[in-house]
């Protein structure tokens, strides 16, 4: 399927979703806010100051700031932890149980405990969000490290490649798919936790705005904020991650009938 066909299917799916939304808003107005009402609310959100005189981009930026700061910390910590677990059997046997236990802790508990330890402020979020995200990234990188082809590293060493060259040309290309999967996993989990932190602990950010309009039972404005952030995440995926993934994975040959990237 070429790019034009994929774009056509994407446009058709968006049109179908909007049509269903419009019909659902008419059939169940008390459950699903109507499409025209949501568009009107979205225009207000984009053009008028919100609580405390802040425009929508202030709240979006604060959410992005916390989310990506947490992602950077989690990617570094989770990658090193996952590779260490995948390459060291003793460490894997010792810590594997604790990784799964870490994953089992409810995110809400971590958020509340962070608030008790640190306070009801942004610092709690900067602590809680990486704590929630890191085990997901570590688990992905753990699986990636276990699948590394050690024969390639040995062959590179035999032909005189140094450690840096071996890491750059042998290890990183093999881990690249897992790095992208880890980042996407961290992004999908992280933005939900960031909104949770903002809703319960802060007075700014997209999560705070969700909570504010939820308290007022203003469904159209809630949907407006959801649309804004979903659009941002789609831009990150298709404007940054997908092209970068395709560029990084150019060295991999395409199997017949299989696309390496979208």
Protein backbone atom coordinates (compact mmCIF):
# COMPACT_ATOMS: atom_id res chain seq x y z
CA UNK A 1 0.00 0.00 0.00
CA UNK A 2 1.48 3.34 -1.04
CA UNK A 3 1.44 6.59 0.95
CA UNK A 4 -1.56 8.03 -0.97
CA UNK A 5 -3.67 4.96 -0.22
CA UNK A 6 -2.76 5.04 3.46
CA UNK A 7 -3.63 8.75 3.61
CA UNK A 8 -6.97 8.04 1.95
CA UNK A 9 -7.82 5.34 4.47
CA UNK A 10 -6.78 7.63 7.32
CA UNK A 11 -9.00 10.45 6.02
CA UNK A 12 -11.89 8.01 5.59
CA UNK A 13 -11.50 6.74 9.15
CA UNK A 14 -11.50 10.33 10.52
CA UNK A 15 -14.63 11.15 8.50
CA UNK A 16 -16.34 8.00 9.80
CA UNK A 17 -15.42 8.88 13.39
CA UNK A 18 -16.81 12.41 13.02
CA UNK A 19 -20.01 11.05 11.49
CA UNK A 20 -20.46 8.59 14.34
CA UNK A 21 -19.73 11.33 16.85
CA UNK A 22 -22.32 13.61 15.26
CA UNK A 23 -24.93 10.85 15.26
CA UNK A 24 -24.07 9.81 18.81
CA UNK A 25 -24.35 13.41 20.04
CA UNK A 26 -27.88 13.57 18.63
CA UNK A 27 -28.93 10.15 19.94
CA UNK A 28 -27.30 10.37 23.39
CA UNK A 29 -26.77 14.08 24.20
CA UNK A 30 -26.57 13.44 27.96
CA UNK A 31 -23.67 11.01 27.48
CA UNK A 32 -21.77 12.25 24.42
CA UNK A 33 -21.37 16.00 23.81
CA UNK A 34 -22.51 16.99 20.33
CA UNK A 35 -19.93 17.70 17.65
CA UNK A 36 -21.12 21.31 16.99
CA UNK A 37 -21.11 22.06 20.75
CA UNK A 38 -17.61 20.63 21.10
CA UNK A 39 -16.32 22.68 18.16
CA UNK A 40 -17.79 25.83 19.72
CA UNK A 41 -16.18 25.00 23.07
CA UNK A 42 -12.86 24.30 21.32
CA UNK A 43 -12.93 27.75 19.70
CA UNK A 44 -13.49 29.33 23.10
CA UNK A 45 -10.62 27.34 24.64
CA UNK A 46 -8.26 28.35 21.83
CA UNK A 47 -9.16 32.04 21.80
CA UNK A 48 -10.04 33.07 25.37
CA UNK A 49 -7.99 33.01 28.59
CA UNK A 50 -8.83 30.25 31.03
CA UNK A 51 -8.47 30.06 34.83
CA UNK A 52 -5.99 32.53 36.35
CA UNK A 53 -5.84 34.36 33.01
CA UNK A 54 -3.73 31.71 31.23
CA UNK A 55 -4.24 30.78 27.58
CA UNK A 56 -4.53 27.16 26.49
CA UNK A 57 -0.90 26.95 25.33
CA UNK A 58 0.32 27.72 28.85
CA UNK A 59 -1.44 24.62 30.19
CA UNK A 60 -0.37 22.47 27.22
CA UNK A 61 3.25 23.58 27.63
CA UNK A 62 3.27 22.78 31.36
CA UNK A 63 1.97 19.28 30.64
CA UNK A 64 4.51 18.76 27.83
CA UNK A 65 7.30 20.04 30.08
CA UNK A 66 6.56 17.53 32.84
CA UNK A 67 5.88 14.67 30.42
CA UNK A 68 9.09 14.97 28.41
CA UNK A 69 11.28 15.67 31.42
CA UNK A 70 9.95 12.44 32.91
CA UNK A 71 10.44 10.60 29.60
CA UNK A 72 14.10 11.63 29.36
CA UNK A 73 14.83 10.42 32.89
CA UNK A 74 12.86 7.21 32.39
CA UNK A 75 14.44 6.40 29.02
CA UNK A 76 17.94 6.73 30.47
CA UNK A 77 17.22 4.80 33.68
CA UNK A 78 15.00 2.18 32.04
CA UNK A 79 17.39 1.55 29.15
CA UNK A 80 20.40 0.98 31.39
CA UNK A 81 18.37 -1.16 33.79
CA UNK A 82 16.82 -3.23 31.02
CA UNK A 83 20.13 -3.86 29.22
CA UNK A 84 21.79 -4.79 32.52
CA UNK A 85 19.03 -7.29 33.27
CA UNK A 86 19.16 -8.76 29.77
CA UNK A 87 22.93 -9.22 29.73
CA UNK A 88 23.58 -10.35 33.30
CA UNK A 89 21.89 -13.56 34.45
CA UNK A 90 22.77 -12.98 38.12
CA UNK A 91 21.23 -9.52 38.07
CA UNK A 92 18.22 -10.83 36.17
CA UNK A 93 17.60 -13.56 38.74
CA UNK A 94 17.98 -11.09 41.58
CA UNK A 95 15.87 -8.21 40.30
CA UNK A 96 13.31 -9.68 37.89
CA UNK A 97 10.74 -10.29 40.63
CA UNK A 98 11.06 -6.68 41.80
CA UNK A 99 10.53 -5.31 38.29
CA UNK A 100 7.22 -7.16 38.00
CA UNK A 101 6.28 -6.05 41.50
CA UNK A 102 7.10 -2.46 40.51
CA UNK A 103 4.80 -2.78 37.51
CA UNK A 104 2.00 -4.07 39.75
CA UNK A 105 1.91 -0.96 41.97
CA UNK A 106 -1.14 1.16 40.98
CA UNK A 107 -0.14 4.48 39.44
CA UNK A 108 -2.60 6.33 41.66
CA UNK A 109 -0.84 4.99 44.76
CA UNK A 110 2.52 6.27 43.48
CA UNK A 111 1.01 9.70 42.80
CA UNK A 112 -0.53 9.95 46.28
CA UNK A 113 2.59 8.67 48.05
CA UNK A 114 4.69 11.21 46.10
CA UNK A 115 2.35 13.98 47.25
CA UNK A 116 2.73 12.87 50.88
CA UNK A 117 6.52 12.66 50.63
CA UNK A 118 7.20 15.77 48.55
CA UNK A 119 4.09 17.92 48.75
CA UNK A 120 1.18 19.01 46.58
CA UNK A 121 3.32 20.69 43.95
CA UNK A 122 4.98 20.07 40.59
CA UNK A 123 8.00 18.37 42.21
CA UNK A 124 5.73 15.46 43.15
CA UNK A 125 4.87 15.05 39.48
CA UNK A 126 8.49 15.20 38.37
CA UNK A 127 9.13 12.35 40.81
CA UNK A 128 5.97 10.26 40.33
CA UNK A 129 5.80 10.18 36.53
CA UNK A 130 9.31 8.71 35.97
CA UNK A 131 8.69 6.19 38.76
CA UNK A 132 5.60 4.97 36.91
CA UNK A 133 7.15 4.97 33.41
CA UNK A 134 10.60 3.48 34.10
CA UNK A 135 9.59 -0.19 34.63
CA UNK A 136 7.69 -0.24 31.31
CA UNK A 137 10.79 0.97 29.47
CA UNK A 138 13.05 -1.38 31.42
CA UNK A 139 10.83 -4.33 30.48
CA UNK A 140 11.03 -3.47 26.77
CA UNK A 141 14.80 -3.00 26.83
CA UNK A 142 15.20 -6.16 28.90
CA UNK A 143 13.57 -8.15 26.10
CA UNK A 144 15.69 -6.34 23.54
CA UNK A 145 18.93 -7.07 25.37
CA UNK A 146 18.04 -10.76 25.61
CA UNK A 147 17.67 -10.98 21.83
CA UNK A 148 21.04 -9.40 20.98
CA UNK A 149 23.11 -11.46 18.56
CA UNK A 150 26.38 -11.98 20.44
CA UNK A 151 27.95 -13.62 17.38
CA UNK A 152 27.91 -10.27 15.57
CA UNK A 153 29.73 -8.60 18.46
CA UNK A 154 32.32 -11.38 18.54
CA UNK A 155 32.81 -11.10 14.78
CA UNK A 156 33.30 -7.32 15.07
CA UNK A 157 35.88 -7.88 17.81
CA UNK A 158 37.64 -10.48 15.67
CA UNK A 159 37.97 -7.97 12.83
CA UNK A 160 39.44 -5.36 15.16
CA UNK A 161 36.45 -3.17 15.93
CA UNK A 162 36.76 -1.24 19.17
CA UNK A 163 34.12 -1.15 21.90
CA UNK A 164 32.70 2.19 20.78
CA UNK A 165 32.42 1.10 17.16
CA UNK A 166 30.89 -2.23 18.18
CA UNK A 167 28.36 -0.47 20.38
CA UNK A 168 27.48 2.09 17.67
CA UNK A 169 27.38 -0.23 14.67
CA UNK A 170 26.32 -3.56 16.19
CA UNK A 171 24.50 -3.07 19.49
CA UNK A 172 22.52 0.13 18.87
CA UNK A 173 21.01 -0.96 15.51
CA UNK A 174 19.76 -4.17 17.13
CA UNK A 175 18.25 -2.26 20.06
CA UNK A 176 16.76 0.55 17.94
CA UNK A 177 13.31 -1.09 17.47
CA UNK A 178 13.08 -1.67 21.23
CA UNK A 179 14.15 1.91 21.95
CA UNK A 180 11.35 3.25 19.75
CA UNK A 181 8.85 0.82 21.28
CA UNK A 182 10.00 1.89 24.75
CA UNK A 183 9.60 5.57 23.94
CA UNK A 184 6.12 5.04 22.52
CA UNK A 185 5.15 2.95 25.54
CA UNK A 186 6.55 5.58 27.90
CA UNK A 187 4.76 8.36 26.03
CA UNK A 188 1.38 6.58 26.08
CA UNK A 189 1.62 5.75 29.78
CA UNK A 190 3.37 8.96 30.79
CA UNK A 191 0.82 11.42 29.47
CA UNK A 192 -1.96 9.64 31.35
CA UNK A 193 0.01 9.79 34.61
CA UNK A 194 0.94 13.42 33.99
CA UNK A 195 -2.74 14.32 33.61
CA UNK A 196 -3.49 12.38 36.79
CA UNK A 197 -0.84 14.32 38.71
CA UNK A 198 -2.15 17.63 37.40
CA UNK A 199 -5.76 16.73 38.17
CA UNK A 200 -5.09 15.82 41.80
CA UNK A 201 -2.09 17.92 42.80
CA UNK A 202 -1.71 21.02 40.62
CA UNK A 203 -3.56 24.11 39.44
CA UNK A 204 -2.16 24.19 35.92
CA UNK A 205 -1.80 21.85 32.98
CA UNK A 206 -4.20 19.87 30.83
CA UNK A 207 -5.05 17.50 33.69
CA UNK A 208 -6.07 20.42 35.89
CA UNK A 209 -8.34 21.70 33.11
CA UNK A 210 -9.94 18.26 32.74
CA UNK A 211 -10.66 18.17 36.46
CA UNK A 212 -12.00 21.73 36.50
CA UNK A 213 -14.52 21.14 33.72
CA UNK A 214 -15.36 17.68 35.07
CA UNK A 215 -16.37 19.32 38.35
CA UNK A 216 -18.61 21.67 36.34
CA UNK A 217 -19.95 18.75 34.25
CA UNK A 218 -18.91 20.63 31.11
CA UNK A 219 -18.43 17.73 28.69
CA UNK A 220 -17.89 19.79 25.49
CA UNK A 221 -14.99 21.71 27.04
CA UNK A 222 -13.51 18.49 28.45
CA UNK A 223 -13.61 16.99 24.96
CA UNK A 224 -11.97 20.15 23.61
CA UNK A 225 -8.96 19.70 25.86
CA UNK A 226 -8.79 16.02 24.95
CA UNK A 227 -8.78 16.92 21.25
CA UNK A 228 -5.96 19.45 21.75
CA UNK A 229 -3.67 16.96 23.46
CA UNK A 230 -4.51 14.03 21.18
CA UNK A 231 -3.62 16.21 18.19
CA UNK A 232 -0.31 17.05 19.85
CA UNK A 233 0.47 13.36 20.41
CA UNK A 234 -0.42 12.54 16.80
CA UNK A 235 1.95 15.29 15.62
CA UNK A 236 4.73 13.82 17.79
CA UNK A 237 4.10 10.33 16.40
CA UNK A 238 3.74 11.10 12.69
CA UNK A 239 5.81 14.27 12.54
CA UNK A 240 8.77 13.15 14.64
CA UNK A 241 8.84 9.51 15.69
CA UNK A 242 7.71 7.83 12.47
CA UNK A 243 10.14 9.74 10.17
CA UNK A 244 12.97 9.25 12.67
CA UNK A 245 12.16 5.55 12.95
CA UNK A 246 12.17 5.21 9.18
CA UNK A 247 15.52 7.00 8.91
CA UNK A 248 17.17 4.97 11.67
CA UNK A 249 15.86 1.68 10.26
CA UNK A 250 16.92 2.32 6.65
CA UNK A 251 19.63 -0.33 6.97
CA UNK A 252 17.04 -3.10 7.46
CA UNK A 253 15.89 -4.80 4.24
CA UNK A 254 12.12 -4.93 3.72
CA UNK A 255 10.66 -8.42 3.76
CA UNK A 256 8.04 -9.07 1.09
CA UNK A 257 4.65 -7.98 2.35
CA UNK A 258 6.10 -6.44 5.52
CA UNK A 259 6.66 -2.76 6.26
CA UNK A 260 9.29 -1.94 8.86
CA UNK A 261 7.67 1.43 9.63
CA UNK A 262 4.37 3.11 9.05
